[in-house]
Amino acid sequence: MINVLTIIYLVVAILLIAFVLMQQGKGADAGASFGAGASATVFGSTGSANFLSRTTALLATIFFAISLIIGNLSSHTTAPTSQFDDLSQVEQKQAEPVKTENNDIPQ
């Protein structure tokens, strides 16, 4: 399940990058560099959303939803599947003191 979601996640991420790069900036008109781009400022008129901006918003929503689902599924994993997933036992074995046969040697 996580593998399928990861593949969908990567496809959505690539599409999201492509749609963001295809969009034209608000101040990209020819007159913007000469001071005529004041209508495209933060407080100016924004115009209606076109296909690219709506698709970008949809892809961003899907991207964040899938990332939350993958994070939730990853946090609820069960016991380790291999001996290398949980190395805490190795650390506990190394932390035990080594017993020698000559314990009667004064220090």
PDB file of N, CA and C in Angstrom:
ATOM      1  N   MET A   1       0.825  -1.201   0.000  1.00  0.00           N
ATOM      2  CA  MET A   1       0.000   0.000   0.000  1.00  0.00           C
ATOM      3  C   MET A   1       0.865   1.259   0.000  1.00  0.00           C
ATOM      4  N   ILE A   2       1.896   1.235   0.849  1.00  0.00           N
ATOM      5  CA  ILE A   2       2.760   2.406   0.921  1.00  0.00           C
ATOM      6  C   ILE A   2       3.542   2.574  -0.381  1.00  0.00           C
ATOM      7  N   ASN A   3       3.903   1.459  -1.013  1.00  0.00           N
ATOM      8  CA  ASN A   3       4.645   1.553  -2.278  1.00  0.00           C
ATOM      9  C   ASN A   3       3.809   2.209  -3.369  1.00  0.00           C
ATOM     10  N   VAL A   4       2.530   1.851  -3.440  1.00  0.00           N
ATOM     11  CA  VAL A   4       1.636   2.451  -4.440  1.00  0.00           C
ATOM     12  C   VAL A   4       1.457   3.937  -4.155  1.00  0.00           C
ATOM     13  N   LEU A   5       1.265   4.283  -2.881  1.00  0.00           N
ATOM     14  CA  LEU A   5       1.108   5.691  -2.517  1.00  0.00           C
ATOM     15  C   LEU A   5       2.378   6.490  -2.798  1.00  0.00           C
ATOM     16  N   THR A   6       3.526   5.868  -2.613  1.00  0.00           N
ATOM     17  CA  THR A   6       4.789   6.558  -2.893  1.00  0.00           C
ATOM     18  C   THR A   6       4.936   6.850  -4.380  1.00  0.00           C
ATOM     19  N   ILE A   7       4.533   5.916  -5.224  1.00  0.00           N
ATOM     20  CA  ILE A   7       4.612   6.136  -6.667  1.00  0.00           C
ATOM     21  C   ILE A   7       3.648   7.249  -7.089  1.00  0.00           C
ATOM     22  N   ILE A   8       2.419   7.212  -6.551  1.00  0.00           N
ATOM     23  CA  ILE A   8       1.456   8.280  -6.845  1.00  0.00           C
ATOM     24  C   ILE A   8       1.977   9.618  -6.339  1.00  0.00           C
ATOM     25  N   TYR A   9       2.594   9.610  -5.172  1.00  0.00           N
ATOM     26  CA  TYR A   9       3.167  10.817  -4.569  1.00  0.00           C
ATOM     27  C   TYR A   9       4.242  11.437  -5.470  1.00  0.00           C
ATOM     28  N   LEU A  10       5.106  10.592  -6.016  1.00  0.00           N
ATOM     29  CA  LEU A  10       6.158  11.087  -6.909  1.00  0.00           C
ATOM     30  C   LEU A  10       5.582  11.643  -8.211  1.00  0.00           C
ATOM     31  N   VAL A  11       4.578  10.969  -8.762  1.00  0.00           N
ATOM     32  CA  VAL A  11       3.957  11.457  -9.997  1.00  0.00           C
ATOM     33  C   VAL A  11       3.286  12.803  -9.760  1.00  0.00           C
ATOM     34  N   VAL A  12       2.570  12.936  -8.639  1.00  0.00           N
ATOM     35  CA  VAL A  12       1.910  14.202  -8.316  1.00  0.00           C
ATOM     36  C   VAL A  12       2.945  15.296  -8.089  1.00  0.00           C
ATOM     37  N   ALA A  13       4.062  14.960  -7.442  1.00  0.00           N
ATOM     38  CA  ALA A  13       5.109  15.957  -7.205  1.00  0.00           C
ATOM     39  C   ALA A  13       5.713  16.456  -8.511  1.00  0.00           C
ATOM     40  N   ILE A  14       5.957  15.550  -9.454  1.00  0.00           N
ATOM     41  CA  ILE A  14       6.517  15.958 -10.746  1.00  0.00           C
ATOM     42  C   ILE A  14       5.510  16.807 -11.525  1.00  0.00           C
ATOM     43  N   LEU A  15       4.226  16.405 -11.497  1.00  0.00           N
ATOM     44  CA  LEU A  15       3.198  17.207 -12.171  1.00  0.00           C
ATOM     45  C   LEU A  15       3.047  18.583 -11.530  1.00  0.00           C
ATOM     46  N   LEU A  16       3.138  18.641 -10.220  1.00  0.00           N
ATOM     47  CA  LEU A  16       3.023  19.914  -9.515  1.00  0.00           C
ATOM     48  C   LEU A  16       4.165  20.847  -9.896  1.00  0.00           C
ATOM     49  N   ILE A  17       5.366  20.323  -9.967  1.00  0.00           N
ATOM     50  CA  ILE A  17       6.514  21.131 -10.390  1.00  0.00           C
ATOM     51  C   ILE A  17       6.326  21.626 -11.819  1.00  0.00           C
ATOM     52  N   ALA A  18       5.850  20.740 -12.684  1.00  0.00           N
ATOM     53  CA  ALA A  18       5.656  21.123 -14.090  1.00  0.00           C
ATOM     54  C   ALA A  18       4.597  22.217 -14.230  1.00  0.00           C
ATOM     55  N   PHE A  19       3.491  22.091 -13.495  1.00  0.00           N
ATOM     56  CA  PHE A  19       2.429  23.097 -13.596  1.00  0.00           C
ATOM     57  C   PHE A  19       2.861  24.435 -13.002  1.00  0.00           C
ATOM     58  N   VAL A  20       3.649  24.408 -11.952  1.00  0.00           N
ATOM     59  CA  VAL A  20       4.135  25.670 -11.378  1.00  0.00           C
ATOM     60  C   VAL A  20       5.085  26.357 -12.353  1.00  0.00           C
ATOM     61  N   LEU A  21       5.945  25.581 -13.005  1.00  0.00           N
ATOM     62  CA  LEU A  21       6.901  26.178 -13.946  1.00  0.00           C
ATOM     63  C   LEU A  21       6.236  26.674 -15.226  1.00  0.00           C
ATOM     64  N   MET A  22       5.092  26.109 -15.590  1.00  0.00           N
ATOM     65  CA  MET A  22       4.404  26.551 -16.805  1.00  0.00           C
ATOM     66  C   MET A  22       3.627  27.846 -16.616  1.00  0.00           C
ATOM     67  N   GLN A  23       3.349  28.208 -15.381  1.00  0.00           N
ATOM     68  CA  GLN A  23       2.542  29.403 -15.138  1.00  0.00           C
ATOM     69  C   GLN A  23       3.356  30.665 -15.377  1.00  0.00           C
ATOM     70  N   GLN A  24       2.661  31.667 -15.834  1.00  0.00           N
ATOM     71  CA  GLN A  24       3.275  32.966 -16.062  1.00  0.00           C
ATOM     72  C   GLN A  24       3.118  33.791 -14.795  1.00  0.00           C
ATOM     73  N   GLY A  25       4.174  34.491 -14.406  1.00  0.00           N
ATOM     74  CA  GLY A  25       4.108  35.312 -13.209  1.00  0.00           C
ATOM     75  C   GLY A  25       3.165  36.489 -13.389  1.00  0.00           C
ATOM     76  N   LYS A  26       2.703  37.029 -12.245  1.00  0.00           N
ATOM     77  CA  LYS A  26       1.745  38.134 -12.323  1.00  0.00           C
ATOM     78  C   LYS A  26       2.384  39.399 -12.873  1.00  0.00           C
ATOM     79  N   GLY A  27       3.660  39.579 -12.666  1.00  0.00           N
ATOM     80  CA  GLY A  27       4.327  40.776 -13.154  1.00  0.00           C
ATOM     81  C   GLY A  27       5.157  40.527 -14.391  1.00  0.00           C
ATOM     82  N   ALA A  28       4.813  39.509 -15.166  1.00  0.00           N
ATOM     83  CA  ALA A  28       5.617  39.127 -16.318  1.00  0.00           C
ATOM     84  C   ALA A  28       5.225  39.859 -17.593  1.00  0.00           C
ATOM     85  N   ASP A  29       4.306  40.803 -17.530  1.00  0.00           N
ATOM     86  CA  ASP A  29       3.939  41.562 -18.724  1.00  0.00           C
ATOM     87  C   ASP A  29       5.092  42.474 -19.129  1.00  0.00           C
ATOM     88  N   ALA A  30       5.066  42.922 -20.366  1.00  0.00           N
ATOM     89  CA  ALA A  30       6.143  43.781 -20.863  1.00  0.00           C
ATOM     90  C   ALA A  30       6.164  45.132 -20.148  1.00  0.00           C
ATOM     91  N   GLY A  31       4.993  45.624 -19.759  1.00  0.00           N
ATOM     92  CA  GLY A  31       4.932  46.914 -19.102  1.00  0.00           C
ATOM     93  C   GLY A  31       5.301  46.870 -17.632  1.00  0.00           C
ATOM     94  N   ALA A  32       5.449  45.676 -17.063  1.00  0.00           N
ATOM     95  CA  ALA A  32       5.750  45.561 -15.636  1.00  0.00           C
ATOM     96  C   ALA A  32       7.135  46.114 -15.314  1.00  0.00           C
ATOM     97  N   SER A  33       8.058  45.963 -16.242  1.00  0.00           N
ATOM     98  CA  SER A  33       9.408  46.448 -15.968  1.00  0.00           C
ATOM     99  C   SER A  33       9.515  47.966 -16.100  1.00  0.00           C
ATOM    100  N   PHE A  34       8.534  48.606 -16.734  1.00  0.00           N
ATOM    101  CA  PHE A  34       8.560  50.059 -16.894  1.00  0.00           C
ATOM    102  C   PHE A  34       7.587  50.771 -15.956  1.00  0.00           C
ATOM    103  N   GLY A  35       7.053  50.066 -14.971  1.00  0.00           N
ATOM    104  CA  GLY A  35       6.176  50.694 -14.001  1.00  0.00           C
ATOM    105  C   GLY A  35       4.702  50.568 -14.299  1.00  0.00           C
ATOM    106  N   ALA A  36       4.324  49.899 -15.355  1.00  0.00           N
ATOM    107  CA  ALA A  36       2.916  49.763 -15.694  1.00  0.00           C
ATOM    108  C   ALA A  36       2.310  48.499 -15.097  1.00  0.00           C
ATOM    109  N   GLY A  37       3.050  47.783 -14.295  1.00  0.00           N
ATOM    110  CA  GLY A  37       2.537  46.538 -13.720  1.00  0.00           C
ATOM    111  C   GLY A  37       1.879  46.728 -12.386  1.00  0.00           C
ATOM    112  N   ALA A  38       1.438  47.934 -12.074  1.00  0.00           N
ATOM    113  CA  ALA A  38       0.840  48.194 -10.770  1.00  0.00           C
ATOM    114  C   ALA A  38      -0.491  47.494 -10.593  1.00  0.00           C
ATOM    115  N   SER A  39      -1.157  47.154 -11.677  1.00  0.00           N
ATOM    116  CA  SER A  39      -2.446  46.476 -11.543  1.00  0.00           C
ATOM    117  C   SER A  39      -2.277  45.026 -11.108  1.00  0.00           C
ATOM    118  N   ALA A  40      -1.085  44.483 -11.197  1.00  0.00           N
ATOM    119  CA  ALA A  40      -0.841  43.094 -10.822  1.00  0.00           C
ATOM    120  C   ALA A  40      -0.140  42.990  -9.476  1.00  0.00           C
ATOM    121  N   THR A  41      -0.213  44.009  -8.662  1.00  0.00           N
ATOM    122  CA  THR A  41       0.420  43.963  -7.357  1.00  0.00           C
ATOM    123  C   THR A  41      -0.434  43.183  -6.378  1.00  0.00           C
ATOM    124  N   VAL A  42       0.000  43.122  -5.147  1.00  0.00           N
ATOM    125  CA  VAL A  42      -0.712  42.353  -4.138  1.00  0.00           C
ATOM    126  C   VAL A  42      -2.117  42.904  -3.909  1.00  0.00           C
ATOM    127  N   PHE A  43      -2.273  44.208  -3.907  1.00  0.00           N
ATOM    128  CA  PHE A  43      -3.561  44.809  -3.634  1.00  0.00           C
ATOM    129  C   PHE A  43      -4.322  45.170  -4.908  1.00  0.00           C
ATOM    130  N   GLY A  44      -3.759  44.853  -6.066  1.00  0.00           N
ATOM    131  CA  GLY A  44      -4.423  45.185  -7.325  1.00  0.00           C
ATOM    132  C   GLY A  44      -5.393  44.107  -7.740  1.00  0.00           C
ATOM    133  N   SER A  45      -5.865  44.209  -8.977  1.00  0.00           N
ATOM    134  CA  SER A  45      -6.812  43.218  -9.483  1.00  0.00           C
ATOM    135  C   SER A  45      -6.084  41.911  -9.783  1.00  0.00           C
ATOM    136  N   THR A  46      -6.707  40.807  -9.420  1.00  0.00           N
ATOM    137  CA  THR A  46      -6.059  39.513  -9.607  1.00  0.00           C
ATOM    138  C   THR A  46      -6.600  38.755 -10.800  1.00  0.00           C
ATOM    139  N   GLY A  47      -7.818  39.014 -11.218  1.00  0.00           N
ATOM    140  CA  GLY A  47      -8.392  38.302 -12.351  1.00  0.00           C
ATOM    141  C   GLY A  47      -8.895  36.934 -11.930  1.00  0.00           C
ATOM    142  N   SER A  48      -9.520  36.250 -12.841  1.00  0.00           N
ATOM    143  CA  SER A  48     -10.054  34.932 -12.518  1.00  0.00           C
ATOM    144  C   SER A  48      -8.957  33.881 -12.644  1.00  0.00           C
ATOM    145  N   ALA A  49      -9.132  32.808 -11.922  1.00  0.00           N
ATOM    146  CA  ALA A  49      -8.157  31.722 -11.956  1.00  0.00           C
ATOM    147  C   ALA A  49      -8.324  30.937 -13.250  1.00  0.00           C
ATOM    148  N   ASN A  50      -7.220  30.624 -13.891  1.00  0.00           N
ATOM    149  CA  ASN A  50      -7.281  29.868 -15.136  1.00  0.00           C
ATOM    150  C   ASN A  50      -7.051  28.379 -14.862  1.00  0.00           C
ATOM    151  N   PHE A  51      -6.951  27.611 -15.915  1.00  0.00           N
ATOM    152  CA  PHE A  51      -6.792  26.158 -15.798  1.00  0.00           C
ATOM    153  C   PHE A  51      -5.533  25.781 -15.046  1.00  0.00           C
ATOM    154  N   LEU A  52      -4.417  26.470 -15.325  1.00  0.00           N
ATOM    155  CA  LEU A  52      -3.158  26.118 -14.681  1.00  0.00           C
ATOM    156  C   LEU A  52      -3.191  26.360 -13.177  1.00  0.00           C
ATOM    157  N   SER A  53      -3.747  27.480 -12.760  1.00  0.00           N
ATOM    158  CA  SER A  53      -3.761  27.767 -11.327  1.00  0.00           C
ATOM    159  C   SER A  53      -4.721  26.853 -10.574  1.00  0.00           C
ATOM    160  N   ARG A  54      -5.842  26.506 -11.185  1.00  0.00           N
ATOM    161  CA  ARG A  54      -6.769  25.579 -10.532  1.00  0.00           C
ATOM    162  C   ARG A  54      -6.178  24.176 -10.442  1.00  0.00           C
ATOM    163  N   THR A  55      -5.517  23.745 -11.498  1.00  0.00           N
ATOM    164  CA  THR A  55      -4.891  22.434 -11.485  1.00  0.00           C
ATOM    165  C   THR A  55      -3.743  22.393 -10.481  1.00  0.00           C
ATOM    166  N   THR A  56      -2.997  23.485 -10.368  1.00  0.00           N
ATOM    167  CA  THR A  56      -1.919  23.555  -9.394  1.00  0.00           C
ATOM    168  C   THR A  56      -2.468  23.455  -7.976  1.00  0.00           C
ATOM    169  N   ALA A  57      -3.563  24.130  -7.702  1.00  0.00           N
ATOM    170  CA  ALA A  57      -4.177  24.059  -6.374  1.00  0.00           C
ATOM    171  C   ALA A  57      -4.674  22.645  -6.075  1.00  0.00           C
ATOM    172  N   LEU A  58      -5.260  21.993  -7.075  1.00  0.00           N
ATOM    173  CA  LEU A  58      -5.740  20.623  -6.895  1.00  0.00           C
ATOM    174  C   LEU A  58      -4.571  19.665  -6.643  1.00  0.00           C
ATOM    175  N   LEU A  59      -3.499  19.791  -7.435  1.00  0.00           N
ATOM    176  CA  LEU A  59      -2.332  18.934  -7.250  1.00  0.00           C
ATOM    177  C   LEU A  59      -1.666  19.176  -5.896  1.00  0.00           C
ATOM    178  N   ALA A  60      -1.631  20.426  -5.452  1.00  0.00           N
ATOM    179  CA  ALA A  60      -1.039  20.725  -4.143  1.00  0.00           C
ATOM    180  C   ALA A  60      -1.866  20.097  -3.024  1.00  0.00           C
ATOM    181  N   THR A  61      -3.180  20.122  -3.159  1.00  0.00           N
ATOM    182  CA  THR A  61      -4.044  19.499  -2.151  1.00  0.00           C
ATOM    183  C   THR A  61      -3.837  17.992  -2.118  1.00  0.00           C
ATOM    184  N   ILE A  62      -3.761  17.372  -3.293  1.00  0.00           N
ATOM    185  CA  ILE A  62      -3.512  15.930  -3.372  1.00  0.00           C
ATOM    186  C   ILE A  62      -2.137  15.599  -2.796  1.00  0.00           C
ATOM    187  N   PHE A  63      -1.144  16.428  -3.093  1.00  0.00           N
ATOM    188  CA  PHE A  63       0.226  16.224  -2.603  1.00  0.00           C
ATOM    189  C   PHE A  63       0.255  16.213  -1.077  1.00  0.00           C
ATOM    190  N   PHE A  64      -0.382  17.197  -0.452  1.00  0.00           N
ATOM    191  CA  PHE A  64      -0.371  17.274   1.004  1.00  0.00           C
ATOM    192  C   PHE A  64      -1.197  16.153   1.630  1.00  0.00           C
ATOM    193  N   ALA A  65      -2.300  15.787   1.005  1.00  0.00           N
ATOM    194  CA  ALA A  65      -3.120  14.695   1.542  1.00  0.00           C
ATOM    195  C   ALA A  65      -2.366  13.372   1.506  1.00  0.00           C
ATOM    196  N   ILE A  66      -1.695  13.090   0.396  1.00  0.00           N
ATOM    197  CA  ILE A  66      -0.939  11.840   0.296  1.00  0.00           C
ATOM    198  C   ILE A  66       0.235  11.844   1.271  1.00  0.00           C
ATOM    199  N   SER A  67       0.878  12.992   1.459  1.00  0.00           N
ATOM    200  CA  SER A  67       1.995  13.031   2.406  1.00  0.00           C
ATOM    201  C   SER A  67       1.518  12.777   3.828  1.00  0.00           C
ATOM    202  N   LEU A  68       0.333  13.273   4.192  1.00  0.00           N
ATOM    203  CA  LEU A  68      -0.209  12.984   5.519  1.00  0.00           C
ATOM    204  C   LEU A  68      -0.574  11.507   5.669  1.00  0.00           C
ATOM    205  N   ILE A  69      -1.124  10.921   4.615  1.00  0.00           N
ATOM    206  CA  ILE A  69      -1.482   9.498   4.662  1.00  0.00           C
ATOM    207  C   ILE A  69      -0.236   8.632   4.782  1.00  0.00           C
ATOM    208  N   ILE A  70       0.798   8.931   4.002  1.00  0.00           N
ATOM    209  CA  ILE A  70       2.039   8.159   4.070  1.00  0.00           C
ATOM    210  C   ILE A  70       2.684   8.308   5.448  1.00  0.00           C
ATOM    211  N   GLY A  71       2.673   9.510   5.995  1.00  0.00           N
ATOM    212  CA  GLY A  71       3.229   9.713   7.328  1.00  0.00           C
ATOM    213  C   GLY A  71       2.469   8.952   8.394  1.00  0.00           C
ATOM    214  N   ASN A  72       1.151   8.920   8.270  1.00  0.00           N
ATOM    215  CA  ASN A  72       0.335   8.187   9.234  1.00  0.00           C
ATOM    216  C   ASN A  72       0.579   6.690   9.120  1.00  0.00           C
ATOM    217  N   LEU A  73       0.638   6.167   7.914  1.00  0.00           N
ATOM    218  CA  LEU A  73       0.896   4.736   7.737  1.00  0.00           C
ATOM    219  C   LEU A  73       2.293   4.347   8.194  1.00  0.00           C
ATOM    220  N   SER A  74       3.265   5.217   8.010  1.00  0.00           N
ATOM    221  CA  SER A  74       4.634   4.911   8.408  1.00  0.00           C
ATOM    222  C   SER A  74       4.803   4.923   9.920  1.00  0.00           C
ATOM    223  N   SER A  75       4.014   5.718  10.608  1.00  0.00           N
ATOM    224  CA  SER A  75       4.169   5.798  12.060  1.00  0.00           C
ATOM    225  C   SER A  75       3.526   4.621  12.775  1.00  0.00           C
ATOM    226  N   HIS A  76       2.667   3.886  12.105  1.00  0.00           N
ATOM    227  CA  HIS A  76       1.993   2.751  12.726  1.00  0.00           C
ATOM    228  C   HIS A  76       2.555   1.427  12.217  1.00  0.00           C
ATOM    229  N   THR A  77       3.841   1.333  12.120  1.00  0.00           N
ATOM    230  CA  THR A  77       4.451   0.086  11.662  1.00  0.00           C
ATOM    231  C   THR A  77       4.519  -0.902  12.823  1.00  0.00           C
ATOM    232  N   THR A  78       4.597  -2.178  12.495  1.00  0.00           N
ATOM    233  CA  THR A  78       4.642  -3.230  13.505  1.00  0.00           C
ATOM    234  C   THR A  78       6.087  -3.581  13.825  1.00  0.00           C
ATOM    235  N   ALA A  79       6.306  -4.768  14.296  1.00  0.00           N
ATOM    236  CA  ALA A  79       7.641  -5.216  14.693  1.00  0.00           C
ATOM    237  C   ALA A  79       8.594  -5.183  13.508  1.00  0.00           C
ATOM    238  N   PRO A  80       9.892  -5.060  13.780  1.00  0.00           N
ATOM    239  CA  PRO A  80      10.869  -5.044  12.692  1.00  0.00           C
ATOM    240  C   PRO A  80      10.825  -6.337  11.887  1.00  0.00           C
ATOM    241  N   THR A  81      11.058  -6.215  10.601  1.00  0.00           N
ATOM    242  CA  THR A  81      10.969  -7.384   9.729  1.00  0.00           C
ATOM    243  C   THR A  81      12.307  -8.079   9.535  1.00  0.00           C
ATOM    244  N   SER A  82      13.399  -7.428   9.837  1.00  0.00           N
ATOM    245  CA  SER A  82      14.696  -8.072   9.701  1.00  0.00           C
ATOM    246  C   SER A  82      15.548  -7.753  10.925  1.00  0.00           C
ATOM    247  N   GLN A  83      16.663  -8.430  11.037  1.00  0.00           N
ATOM    248  CA  GLN A  83      17.530  -8.229  12.201  1.00  0.00           C
ATOM    249  C   GLN A  83      18.227  -6.874  12.171  1.00  0.00           C
ATOM    250  N   PHE A  84      18.263  -6.212  11.028  1.00  0.00           N
ATOM    251  CA  PHE A  84      18.938  -4.926  10.923  1.00  0.00           C
ATOM    252  C   PHE A  84      18.000  -3.752  11.207  1.00  0.00           C
ATOM    253  N   ASP A  85      16.697  -3.998  11.274  1.00  0.00           N
ATOM    254  CA  ASP A  85      15.752  -2.926  11.566  1.00  0.00           C
ATOM    255  C   ASP A  85      15.793  -2.497  13.024  1.00  0.00           C
ATOM    256  N   ASP A  86      16.080  -3.429  13.923  1.00  0.00           N
ATOM    257  CA  ASP A  86      16.123  -3.123  15.350  1.00  0.00           C
ATOM    258  C   ASP A  86      17.487  -3.513  15.888  1.00  0.00           C
ATOM    259  N   LEU A  87      18.358  -2.539  16.067  1.00  0.00           N
ATOM    260  CA  LEU A  87      19.709  -2.802  16.539  1.00  0.00           C
ATOM    261  C   LEU A  87      19.861  -2.537  18.034  1.00  0.00           C
ATOM    262  N   SER A  88      18.762  -2.365  18.757  1.00  0.00           N
ATOM    263  CA  SER A  88      18.846  -2.092  20.188  1.00  0.00           C
ATOM    264  C   SER A  88      19.353  -3.310  20.958  1.00  0.00           C
ATOM    265  N   GLN A  89      19.069  -4.526  20.476  1.00  0.00           N
ATOM    266  CA  GLN A  89      19.555  -5.723  21.150  1.00  0.00           C
ATOM    267  C   GLN A  89      21.067  -5.829  21.058  1.00  0.00           C
ATOM    268  N   VAL A  90      21.631  -5.411  19.951  1.00  0.00           N
ATOM    269  CA  VAL A  90      23.077  -5.451  19.783  1.00  0.00           C
ATOM    270  C   VAL A  90      23.736  -4.490  20.759  1.00  0.00           C
ATOM    271  N   GLU A  91      23.130  -3.331  20.944  1.00  0.00           N
ATOM    272  CA  GLU A  91      23.674  -2.344  21.867  1.00  0.00           C
ATOM    273  C   GLU A  91      23.617  -2.851  23.301  1.00  0.00           C
ATOM    274  N   GLN A  92      22.554  -3.547  23.674  1.00  0.00           N
ATOM    275  CA  GLN A  92      22.437  -4.080  25.023  1.00  0.00           C
ATOM    276  C   GLN A  92      23.453  -5.177  25.267  1.00  0.00           C
ATOM    277  N   LYS A  93      23.721  -6.003  24.280  1.00  0.00           N
ATOM    278  CA  LYS A  93      24.710  -7.067  24.436  1.00  0.00           C
ATOM    279  C   LYS A  93      26.107  -6.498  24.595  1.00  0.00           C
ATOM    280  N   GLN A  94      26.406  -5.419  23.898  1.00  0.00           N
ATOM    281  CA  GLN A  94      27.731  -4.821  24.008  1.00  0.00           C
ATOM    282  C   GLN A  94      27.903  -4.058  25.308  1.00  0.00           C
ATOM    283  N   ALA A  95      26.814  -3.621  25.914  1.00  0.00           N
ATOM    284  CA  ALA A  95      26.899  -2.839  27.142  1.00  0.00           C
ATOM    285  C   ALA A  95      27.135  -3.713  28.370  1.00  0.00           C
ATOM    286  N   GLU A  96      26.879  -5.025  28.293  1.00  0.00           N
ATOM    287  CA  GLU A  96      27.098  -5.915  29.427  1.00  0.00           C
ATOM    288  C   GLU A  96      28.592  -6.064  29.684  1.00  0.00           C
ATOM    289  N   PRO A  97      28.987  -6.072  30.972  1.00  0.00           N
ATOM    290  CA  PRO A  97      30.414  -6.220  31.272  1.00  0.00           C
ATOM    291  C   PRO A  97      30.892  -7.636  30.946  1.00  0.00           C
ATOM    292  N   VAL A  98      32.116  -7.717  30.541  1.00  0.00           N
ATOM    293  CA  VAL A  98      32.711  -8.998  30.191  1.00  0.00           C
ATOM    294  C   VAL A  98      33.206  -9.656  31.465  1.00  0.00           C
ATOM    295  N   LYS A  99      32.788 -10.898  31.700  1.00  0.00           N
ATOM    296  CA  LYS A  99      33.187 -11.630  32.904  1.00  0.00           C
ATOM    297  C   LYS A  99      34.449 -12.431  32.598  1.00  0.00           C
ATOM    298  N   THR A 100      35.393 -12.330  33.490  1.00  0.00           N
ATOM    299  CA  THR A 100      36.620 -13.098  33.345  1.00  0.00           C
ATOM    300  C   THR A 100      36.686 -14.143  34.448  1.00  0.00           C
ATOM    301  N   GLU A 101      37.544 -15.142  34.290  1.00  0.00           N
ATOM    302  CA  GLU A 101      37.658 -16.206  35.280  1.00  0.00           C
ATOM    303  C   GLU A 101      38.490 -15.764  36.480  1.00  0.00           C
ATOM    304  N   ASN A 102      39.317 -14.766  36.333  1.00  0.00           N
ATOM    305  CA  ASN A 102      40.178 -14.312  37.414  1.00  0.00           C
ATOM    306  C   ASN A 102      39.557 -13.119  38.110  1.00  0.00           C
ATOM    307  N   ASN A 103      38.454 -13.336  38.811  1.00  0.00           N
ATOM    308  CA  ASN A 103      37.780 -12.256  39.517  1.00  0.00           C
ATOM    309  C   ASN A 103      38.441 -11.951  40.860  1.00  0.00           C
ATOM    310  N   ASP A 104      39.355 -12.788  41.317  1.00  0.00           N
ATOM    311  CA  ASP A 104      39.962 -12.613  42.624  1.00  0.00           C
ATOM    312  C   ASP A 104      41.233 -11.754  42.582  1.00  0.00           C
ATOM    313  N   ILE A 105      41.560 -11.157  41.483  1.00  0.00           N
ATOM    314  CA  ILE A 105      42.746 -10.315  41.372  1.00  0.00           C
ATOM    315  C   ILE A 105      42.463  -8.984  42.063  1.00  0.00           C
ATOM    316  N   PRO A 106      43.268  -8.576  43.058  1.00  0.00           N
ATOM    317  CA  PRO A 106      43.031  -7.288  43.726  1.00  0.00           C
ATOM    318  C   PRO A 106      43.349  -6.128  42.816  1.00  0.00           C
ATOM    319  N   GLN A 107      42.622  -5.084  43.026  1.00  0.00           N
ATOM    320  CA  GLN A 107      42.829  -3.906  42.168  1.00  0.00           C
ATOM    321  C   GLN A 107      43.370  -2.752  42.951  1.00  0.00           C
TER     322      GLN A 107
END
